[in-house]
Amino acid sequence: METANQIRQTTNSLHPLRPPTAPASDIEIAKKKIITMQSPNLLVIQIALVIMMLCLLVYMFLPDNYAHPIVILLASVGLAVGIFLKK
């Protein structure tokens, strides 16, 4: 009888187990997102920098009469490539 009381007291003094904090399916979804995550595409920024550098070079080496139309052409091509690469 004494043993039964001690067991009852011990079981009453124990804290119940906590439920799991997140279901296993949520953990798997988060793992898949982390694994499939890719670094941002910097190609658009690189192309924009190259086009800007080409425009500066055109202004440095060509006279203004020729430089303005060529820079407009370069800028429009760079914009079109940027729009195409964003999609």
C-alpha atoms as a PDB file:
ATOM      1  CA  MET A   1       0.000   0.000   0.000  1.00  0.00           C
ATOM      2  CA  GLU A   2       2.863   2.361   0.868  1.00  0.00           C
ATOM      3  CA  THR A   3       4.556   1.560  -2.440  1.00  0.00           C
ATOM      4  CA  ALA A   4       1.406   2.384  -4.376  1.00  0.00           C
ATOM      5  CA  ASN A   5       1.146   5.787  -2.632  1.00  0.00           C
ATOM      6  CA  GLN A   6       4.781   6.587  -3.407  1.00  0.00           C
ATOM      7  CA  ILE A   7       4.302   5.671  -7.065  1.00  0.00           C
ATOM      8  CA  ARG A   8       1.161   7.831  -7.237  1.00  0.00           C
ATOM      9  CA  GLN A   9       2.999  10.789  -5.635  1.00  0.00           C
ATOM     10  CA  THR A  10       5.912  10.377  -8.013  1.00  0.00           C
ATOM     11  CA  THR A  11       3.709  10.272 -11.090  1.00  0.00           C
ATOM     12  CA  ASN A  12       1.755  13.315  -9.873  1.00  0.00           C
ATOM     13  CA  SER A  13       4.958  15.286  -9.300  1.00  0.00           C
ATOM     14  CA  LEU A  14       6.256  14.639 -12.816  1.00  0.00           C
ATOM     15  CA  HIS A  15       5.504  17.290 -15.441  1.00  0.00           C
ATOM     16  CA  PRO A  16       3.667  16.081 -18.514  1.00  0.00           C
ATOM     17  CA  LEU A  17       5.672  15.872 -21.734  1.00  0.00           C
ATOM     18  CA  ARG A  18       5.408  18.851 -24.037  1.00  0.00           C
ATOM     19  CA  PRO A  19       3.817  18.304 -27.416  1.00  0.00           C
ATOM     20  CA  PRO A  20       6.161  18.659 -30.385  1.00  0.00           C
ATOM     21  CA  THR A  21       6.735  22.284 -31.325  1.00  0.00           C
ATOM     22  CA  ALA A  22       6.304  21.781 -35.052  1.00  0.00           C
ATOM     23  CA  PRO A  23       4.792  18.961 -37.042  1.00  0.00           C
ATOM     24  CA  ALA A  24       7.240  16.881 -39.005  1.00  0.00           C
ATOM     25  CA  SER A  25       5.668  17.889 -42.313  1.00  0.00           C
ATOM     26  CA  ASP A  26       6.423  21.582 -41.632  1.00  0.00           C
ATOM     27  CA  ILE A  27      10.034  20.729 -40.892  1.00  0.00           C
ATOM     28  CA  GLU A  28      10.341  18.827 -44.177  1.00  0.00           C
ATOM     29  CA  ILE A  29       8.826  21.738 -46.131  1.00  0.00           C
ATOM     30  CA  ALA A  30      11.283  24.153 -44.515  1.00  0.00           C
ATOM     31  CA  LYS A  31      14.200  21.823 -45.307  1.00  0.00           C
ATOM     32  CA  LYS A  32      13.148  21.633 -48.970  1.00  0.00           C
ATOM     33  CA  LYS A  33      12.903  25.443 -49.183  1.00  0.00           C
ATOM     34  CA  ILE A  34      16.396  25.843 -47.744  1.00  0.00           C
ATOM     35  CA  ILE A  35      17.862  23.223 -50.069  1.00  0.00           C
ATOM     36  CA  THR A  36      16.242  24.666 -53.213  1.00  0.00           C
ATOM     37  CA  MET A  37      17.071  28.256 -52.292  1.00  0.00           C
ATOM     38  CA  GLN A  38      19.367  29.848 -54.841  1.00  0.00           C
ATOM     39  CA  SER A  39      21.549  32.898 -54.742  1.00  0.00           C
ATOM     40  CA  PRO A  40      20.106  35.989 -56.422  1.00  0.00           C
ATOM     41  CA  ASN A  41      20.799  36.349 -60.127  1.00  0.00           C
ATOM     42  CA  LEU A  42      23.360  39.116 -60.592  1.00  0.00           C
ATOM     43  CA  LEU A  43      23.500  38.831 -64.374  1.00  0.00           C
ATOM     44  CA  VAL A  44      21.175  41.818 -64.886  1.00  0.00           C
ATOM     45  CA  ILE A  45      23.350  44.029 -62.676  1.00  0.00           C
ATOM     46  CA  GLN A  46      26.506  42.867 -64.453  1.00  0.00           C
ATOM     47  CA  ILE A  47      25.028  43.649 -67.868  1.00  0.00           C
ATOM     48  CA  ALA A  48      23.924  47.091 -66.674  1.00  0.00           C
ATOM     49  CA  LEU A  49      27.445  47.841 -65.447  1.00  0.00           C
ATOM     50  CA  VAL A  50      28.983  46.685 -68.738  1.00  0.00           C
ATOM     51  CA  ILE A  51      26.559  48.862 -70.741  1.00  0.00           C
ATOM     52  CA  MET A  52      27.383  51.875 -68.556  1.00  0.00           C
ATOM     53  CA  MET A  53      31.107  51.268 -69.016  1.00  0.00           C
ATOM     54  CA  LEU A  54      30.650  50.983 -72.783  1.00  0.00           C
ATOM     55  CA  CYS A  55      28.731  54.268 -72.799  1.00  0.00           C
ATOM     56  CA  LEU A  56      31.545  55.994 -70.913  1.00  0.00           C
ATOM     57  CA  LEU A  57      34.118  54.578 -73.327  1.00  0.00           C
ATOM     58  CA  VAL A  58      32.082  55.769 -76.305  1.00  0.00           C
ATOM     59  CA  TYR A  59      31.968  59.281 -74.851  1.00  0.00           C
ATOM     60  CA  MET A  60      35.708  59.203 -74.200  1.00  0.00           C
ATOM     61  CA  PHE A  61      36.866  58.072 -77.645  1.00  0.00           C
ATOM     62  CA  LEU A  62      34.260  59.310 -80.120  1.00  0.00           C
ATOM     63  CA  PRO A  63      33.189  62.843 -80.977  1.00  0.00           C
ATOM     64  CA  ASP A  64      29.863  64.036 -79.591  1.00  0.00           C
ATOM     65  CA  ASN A  65      28.138  63.878 -82.983  1.00  0.00           C
ATOM     66  CA  TYR A  66      28.658  60.116 -83.116  1.00  0.00           C
ATOM     67  CA  ALA A  67      28.636  59.360 -79.387  1.00  0.00           C
ATOM     68  CA  HIS A  68      25.067  60.481 -78.606  1.00  0.00           C
ATOM     69  CA  PRO A  69      23.274  58.132 -81.053  1.00  0.00           C
ATOM     70  CA  ILE A  70      25.568  55.221 -80.179  1.00  0.00           C
ATOM     71  CA  VAL A  71      24.959  55.693 -76.439  1.00  0.00           C
ATOM     72  CA  ILE A  72      21.197  55.891 -77.011  1.00  0.00           C
ATOM     73  CA  LEU A  73      21.425  52.673 -79.003  1.00  0.00           C
ATOM     74  CA  LEU A  74      23.525  50.978 -76.304  1.00  0.00           C
ATOM     75  CA  ALA A  75      21.159  52.118 -73.540  1.00  0.00           C
ATOM     76  CA  SER A  76      18.082  50.865 -75.388  1.00  0.00           C
ATOM     77  CA  VAL A  77      19.718  47.491 -76.083  1.00  0.00           C
ATOM     78  CA  GLY A  78      20.793  47.257 -72.425  1.00  0.00           C
ATOM     79  CA  LEU A  79      17.255  48.060 -71.280  1.00  0.00           C
ATOM     80  CA  ALA A  80      15.781  45.439 -73.602  1.00  0.00           C
ATOM     81  CA  VAL A  81      18.246  42.808 -72.406  1.00  0.00           C
ATOM     82  CA  GLY A  82      17.484  43.726 -68.777  1.00  0.00           C
ATOM     83  CA  ILE A  83      13.737  43.364 -69.323  1.00  0.00           C
ATOM     84  CA  PHE A  84      14.251  40.075 -71.146  1.00  0.00           C
ATOM     85  CA  LEU A  85      16.456  38.659 -68.386  1.00  0.00           C
ATOM     86  CA  LYS A  86      14.077  39.691 -65.587  1.00  0.00           C
ATOM     87  CA  LYS A  87      11.378  37.433 -67.021  1.00  0.00           C
END
